[in-house]
Amino acid sequence: MRILGATRSTYFRWKREPGRVRLPRDTLERLSYVLGIYKSLQILLPDPEAADRWVRQPNRHPLFAGRPPLERLSAGLVADLYVVRQHLHAEHDCN
């Protein structure tokens, strides 16, 4: 919920009324970054377990300062999603 910038009540309203939901621009932007992150992880780490580990394990890259990428993604800022998306995109462009 935090990654999408949604409150608990908003999330449950989305679940309850999926056909009637109009997503705010901010949420659409967040979804775009999340899908880009997912796509990059599928390219870099096609094994789903490896991708899950990457997101949850501490990471020494300066972008994450020794913390798991999921912590940065869950900070609540769109900018964090953007930065992680750019990082992963650059990684798979180099390979």
N, C-alpha and C. Protein backbone atom coordinates (compact mmCIF):
# COMPACT_ATOMS: atom_id res chain seq x y z
N MET A 1 0.82 -1.18 0.00
CA MET A 1 0.00 0.00 0.00
C MET A 1 0.87 1.25 0.00
N ARG A 2 1.94 1.22 0.77
CA ARG A 2 2.81 2.38 0.84
C ARG A 2 3.49 2.63 -0.51
N ILE A 3 3.89 1.56 -1.19
CA ILE A 3 4.54 1.72 -2.49
C ILE A 3 3.60 2.41 -3.48
N LEU A 4 2.33 2.10 -3.40
CA LEU A 4 1.35 2.72 -4.30
C LEU A 4 0.83 4.05 -3.77
N GLY A 5 1.26 4.45 -2.58
CA GLY A 5 0.82 5.72 -2.01
C GLY A 5 -0.63 5.69 -1.56
N ALA A 6 -1.12 4.51 -1.21
CA ALA A 6 -2.52 4.36 -0.83
C ALA A 6 -2.65 4.16 0.68
N THR A 7 -3.78 4.61 1.20
CA THR A 7 -4.08 4.34 2.59
C THR A 7 -4.76 2.98 2.67
N ARG A 8 -4.88 2.47 3.86
CA ARG A 8 -5.52 1.17 4.05
C ARG A 8 -6.98 1.20 3.57
N SER A 9 -7.69 2.26 3.88
CA SER A 9 -9.10 2.34 3.47
C SER A 9 -9.22 2.45 1.95
N THR A 10 -8.31 3.18 1.32
CA THR A 10 -8.32 3.28 -0.14
C THR A 10 -8.06 1.93 -0.78
N TYR A 11 -7.09 1.21 -0.24
CA TYR A 11 -6.76 -0.11 -0.77
C TYR A 11 -7.98 -1.04 -0.73
N PHE A 12 -8.66 -1.07 0.42
CA PHE A 12 -9.81 -1.96 0.55
C PHE A 12 -10.99 -1.50 -0.32
N ARG A 13 -11.11 -0.20 -0.55
CA ARG A 13 -12.14 0.29 -1.46
C ARG A 13 -11.84 -0.16 -2.88
N TRP A 14 -10.56 -0.12 -3.27
CA TRP A 14 -10.15 -0.60 -4.60
C TRP A 14 -10.50 -2.08 -4.75
N LYS A 15 -10.24 -2.86 -3.71
CA LYS A 15 -10.55 -4.29 -3.76
C LYS A 15 -12.05 -4.55 -3.83
N ARG A 16 -12.82 -3.78 -3.10
CA ARG A 16 -14.26 -3.95 -3.02
C ARG A 16 -14.96 -3.53 -4.31
N GLU A 17 -14.45 -2.50 -4.97
CA GLU A 17 -15.09 -1.94 -6.17
C GLU A 17 -14.11 -1.84 -7.33
N PRO A 18 -13.53 -2.96 -7.78
CA PRO A 18 -12.47 -2.88 -8.80
C PRO A 18 -12.90 -2.23 -10.12
N GLY A 19 -14.14 -2.38 -10.52
CA GLY A 19 -14.59 -1.81 -11.79
C GLY A 19 -14.90 -0.33 -11.72
N ARG A 20 -14.97 0.22 -10.52
CA ARG A 20 -15.36 1.62 -10.35
C ARG A 20 -14.21 2.50 -9.90
N VAL A 21 -13.02 1.97 -9.89
CA VAL A 21 -11.87 2.71 -9.38
C VAL A 21 -11.29 3.62 -10.46
N ARG A 22 -11.08 4.87 -10.07
CA ARG A 22 -10.36 5.82 -10.92
C ARG A 22 -9.07 6.14 -10.18
N LEU A 23 -7.96 5.68 -10.75
CA LEU A 23 -6.68 5.86 -10.07
C LEU A 23 -6.14 7.27 -10.31
N PRO A 24 -5.66 7.90 -9.24
CA PRO A 24 -5.04 9.21 -9.38
C PRO A 24 -3.75 9.12 -10.21
N ARG A 25 -3.37 10.23 -10.78
CA ARG A 25 -2.15 10.29 -11.60
C ARG A 25 -0.93 9.78 -10.83
N ASP A 26 -0.82 10.16 -9.56
CA ASP A 26 0.29 9.73 -8.72
C ASP A 26 0.35 8.20 -8.64
N THR A 27 -0.80 7.57 -8.45
CA THR A 27 -0.85 6.11 -8.36
C THR A 27 -0.48 5.46 -9.68
N LEU A 28 -0.94 6.04 -10.78
CA LEU A 28 -0.58 5.50 -12.10
C LEU A 28 0.93 5.60 -12.34
N GLU A 29 1.52 6.71 -11.91
CA GLU A 29 2.97 6.86 -12.04
C GLU A 29 3.70 5.80 -11.21
N ARG A 30 3.23 5.59 -9.98
CA ARG A 30 3.83 4.58 -9.12
C ARG A 30 3.71 3.18 -9.73
N LEU A 31 2.53 2.88 -10.27
CA LEU A 31 2.32 1.58 -10.92
C LEU A 31 3.27 1.39 -12.09
N SER A 32 3.48 2.44 -12.85
CA SER A 32 4.40 2.39 -13.98
C SER A 32 5.81 2.04 -13.52
N TYR A 33 6.27 2.68 -12.45
CA TYR A 33 7.60 2.37 -11.93
C TYR A 33 7.68 0.94 -11.39
N VAL A 34 6.64 0.51 -10.68
CA VAL A 34 6.63 -0.85 -10.13
C VAL A 34 6.69 -1.88 -11.27
N LEU A 35 5.93 -1.66 -12.32
CA LEU A 35 5.97 -2.58 -13.47
C LEU A 35 7.32 -2.55 -14.15
N GLY A 36 7.95 -1.39 -14.24
CA GLY A 36 9.29 -1.29 -14.81
C GLY A 36 10.32 -2.02 -13.96
N ILE A 37 10.19 -1.92 -12.65
CA ILE A 37 11.08 -2.63 -11.73
C ILE A 37 10.89 -4.13 -11.91
N TYR A 38 9.65 -4.55 -11.96
CA TYR A 38 9.35 -5.98 -12.15
C TYR A 38 9.95 -6.48 -13.47
N LYS A 39 9.76 -5.74 -14.54
CA LYS A 39 10.29 -6.14 -15.85
C LYS A 39 11.81 -6.25 -15.81
N SER A 40 12.47 -5.27 -15.23
CA SER A 40 13.93 -5.31 -15.15
C SER A 40 14.41 -6.50 -14.32
N LEU A 41 13.72 -6.78 -13.22
CA LEU A 41 14.11 -7.93 -12.41
C LEU A 41 13.92 -9.24 -13.18
N GLN A 42 12.89 -9.31 -14.00
CA GLN A 42 12.67 -10.51 -14.81
C GLN A 42 13.78 -10.70 -15.83
N ILE A 43 14.31 -9.62 -16.35
CA ILE A 43 15.41 -9.68 -17.32
C ILE A 43 16.71 -10.05 -16.60
N LEU A 44 16.98 -9.37 -15.49
CA LEU A 44 18.24 -9.58 -14.77
C LEU A 44 18.26 -10.89 -13.98
N LEU A 45 17.14 -11.22 -13.37
CA LEU A 45 17.04 -12.39 -12.51
C LEU A 45 15.79 -13.18 -12.87
N PRO A 46 15.83 -13.96 -13.95
CA PRO A 46 14.63 -14.66 -14.41
C PRO A 46 14.06 -15.67 -13.39
N ASP A 47 14.89 -16.12 -12.45
CA ASP A 47 14.39 -17.02 -11.41
C ASP A 47 13.60 -16.19 -10.39
N PRO A 48 12.30 -16.44 -10.23
CA PRO A 48 11.49 -15.64 -9.31
C PRO A 48 12.04 -15.59 -7.89
N GLU A 49 12.62 -16.69 -7.43
CA GLU A 49 13.17 -16.70 -6.07
C GLU A 49 14.37 -15.77 -5.96
N ALA A 50 15.18 -15.70 -7.01
CA ALA A 50 16.34 -14.80 -7.00
C ALA A 50 15.89 -13.35 -7.00
N ALA A 51 14.86 -13.05 -7.77
CA ALA A 51 14.32 -11.67 -7.80
C ALA A 51 13.75 -11.31 -6.44
N ASP A 52 13.02 -12.21 -5.82
CA ASP A 52 12.47 -11.96 -4.49
C ASP A 52 13.59 -11.73 -3.47
N ARG A 53 14.64 -12.53 -3.57
CA ARG A 53 15.78 -12.36 -2.65
C ARG A 53 16.43 -11.00 -2.85
N TRP A 54 16.62 -10.59 -4.11
CA TRP A 54 17.27 -9.32 -4.40
C TRP A 54 16.52 -8.18 -3.72
N VAL A 55 15.22 -8.20 -3.79
CA VAL A 55 14.41 -7.12 -3.22
C VAL A 55 14.49 -7.11 -1.70
N ARG A 56 14.63 -8.28 -1.08
CA ARG A 56 14.55 -8.39 0.38
C ARG A 56 15.89 -8.41 1.11
N GLN A 57 16.97 -8.72 0.40
CA GLN A 57 18.27 -8.84 1.07
C GLN A 57 19.00 -7.49 1.11
N PRO A 58 19.82 -7.28 2.15
CA PRO A 58 20.63 -6.06 2.20
C PRO A 58 21.48 -5.94 0.93
N ASN A 59 21.65 -4.72 0.47
CA ASN A 59 22.36 -4.47 -0.77
C ASN A 59 23.45 -3.43 -0.51
N ARG A 60 24.69 -3.75 -0.93
CA ARG A 60 25.83 -2.87 -0.67
C ARG A 60 25.93 -1.70 -1.64
N HIS A 61 25.13 -1.68 -2.69
CA HIS A 61 25.17 -0.56 -3.63
C HIS A 61 24.87 0.74 -2.87
N PRO A 62 25.59 1.82 -3.17
CA PRO A 62 25.36 3.08 -2.45
C PRO A 62 23.90 3.56 -2.46
N LEU A 63 23.17 3.20 -3.47
CA LEU A 63 21.76 3.58 -3.58
C LEU A 63 20.94 3.03 -2.41
N PHE A 64 21.37 1.88 -1.87
CA PHE A 64 20.61 1.23 -0.81
C PHE A 64 21.27 1.31 0.56
N ALA A 65 22.53 1.74 0.60
CA ALA A 65 23.25 1.94 1.87
C ALA A 65 23.19 0.72 2.79
N GLY A 66 23.33 -0.46 2.21
CA GLY A 66 23.36 -1.68 3.01
C GLY A 66 21.99 -2.20 3.41
N ARG A 67 20.94 -1.50 3.02
CA ARG A 67 19.58 -1.94 3.36
C ARG A 67 18.95 -2.66 2.18
N PRO A 68 17.91 -3.44 2.41
CA PRO A 68 17.21 -4.12 1.31
C PRO A 68 16.54 -3.09 0.38
N PRO A 69 16.55 -3.32 -0.91
CA PRO A 69 15.86 -2.41 -1.84
C PRO A 69 14.39 -2.19 -1.48
N LEU A 70 13.75 -3.20 -0.90
CA LEU A 70 12.35 -3.06 -0.53
C LEU A 70 12.14 -1.93 0.47
N GLU A 71 13.11 -1.69 1.33
CA GLU A 71 13.00 -0.58 2.28
C GLU A 71 12.95 0.75 1.55
N ARG A 72 13.80 0.89 0.55
CA ARG A 72 13.79 2.15 -0.22
C ARG A 72 12.48 2.27 -1.00
N LEU A 73 12.04 1.17 -1.59
CA LEU A 73 10.79 1.19 -2.35
C LEU A 73 9.59 1.52 -1.46
N SER A 74 9.66 1.11 -0.21
CA SER A 74 8.55 1.30 0.72
C SER A 74 8.60 2.62 1.48
N ALA A 75 9.57 3.46 1.17
CA ALA A 75 9.72 4.72 1.89
C ALA A 75 8.54 5.66 1.66
N GLY A 76 7.80 5.44 0.58
CA GLY A 76 6.61 6.25 0.33
C GLY A 76 6.78 7.35 -0.70
N LEU A 77 8.01 7.54 -1.20
CA LEU A 77 8.25 8.60 -2.18
C LEU A 77 8.30 8.05 -3.60
N VAL A 78 7.66 8.75 -4.52
CA VAL A 78 7.71 8.36 -5.93
C VAL A 78 9.15 8.39 -6.41
N ALA A 79 9.94 9.34 -5.92
CA ALA A 79 11.34 9.48 -6.33
C ALA A 79 12.13 8.21 -6.04
N ASP A 80 11.83 7.52 -4.95
CA ASP A 80 12.53 6.28 -4.63
C ASP A 80 12.22 5.20 -5.65
N LEU A 81 10.98 5.12 -6.08
CA LEU A 81 10.62 4.15 -7.11
C LEU A 81 11.36 4.46 -8.41
N TYR A 82 11.41 5.75 -8.74
CA TYR A 82 12.09 6.19 -9.96
C TYR A 82 13.57 5.81 -9.93
N VAL A 83 14.23 6.08 -8.82
CA VAL A 83 15.67 5.81 -8.70
C VAL A 83 15.96 4.32 -8.81
N VAL A 84 15.18 3.50 -8.15
CA VAL A 84 15.39 2.04 -8.23
C VAL A 84 15.12 1.56 -9.65
N ARG A 85 14.08 2.08 -10.27
CA ARG A 85 13.76 1.71 -11.66
C ARG A 85 14.92 2.06 -12.59
N GLN A 86 15.46 3.25 -12.45
CA GLN A 86 16.58 3.69 -13.29
C GLN A 86 17.82 2.82 -13.05
N HIS A 87 18.08 2.50 -11.80
CA HIS A 87 19.22 1.65 -11.45
C HIS A 87 19.12 0.29 -12.13
N LEU A 88 17.97 -0.35 -12.01
CA LEU A 88 17.78 -1.67 -12.61
C LEU A 88 17.82 -1.61 -14.13
N HIS A 89 17.23 -0.57 -14.69
CA HIS A 89 17.23 -0.41 -16.15
C HIS A 89 18.67 -0.26 -16.66
N ALA A 90 19.47 0.52 -15.96
CA ALA A 90 20.87 0.68 -16.36
C ALA A 90 21.63 -0.63 -16.24
N GLU A 91 21.32 -1.40 -15.21
CA GLU A 91 21.98 -2.70 -15.03
C GLU A 91 21.68 -3.65 -16.20
N HIS A 92 20.44 -3.74 -16.63
CA HIS A 92 20.15 -4.69 -17.71
C HIS A 92 20.54 -4.12 -19.06
N ASP A 93 20.70 -2.80 -19.19
CA ASP A 93 21.22 -2.24 -20.44
C ASP A 93 22.71 -2.51 -20.59
N CYS A 94 23.41 -2.63 -19.45
CA CYS A 94 24.86 -2.90 -19.49
C CYS A 94 25.17 -4.36 -19.79
N ASN A 95 24.22 -5.23 -19.52
CA ASN A 95 24.46 -6.67 -19.69
C ASN A 95 24.12 -7.14 -21.06
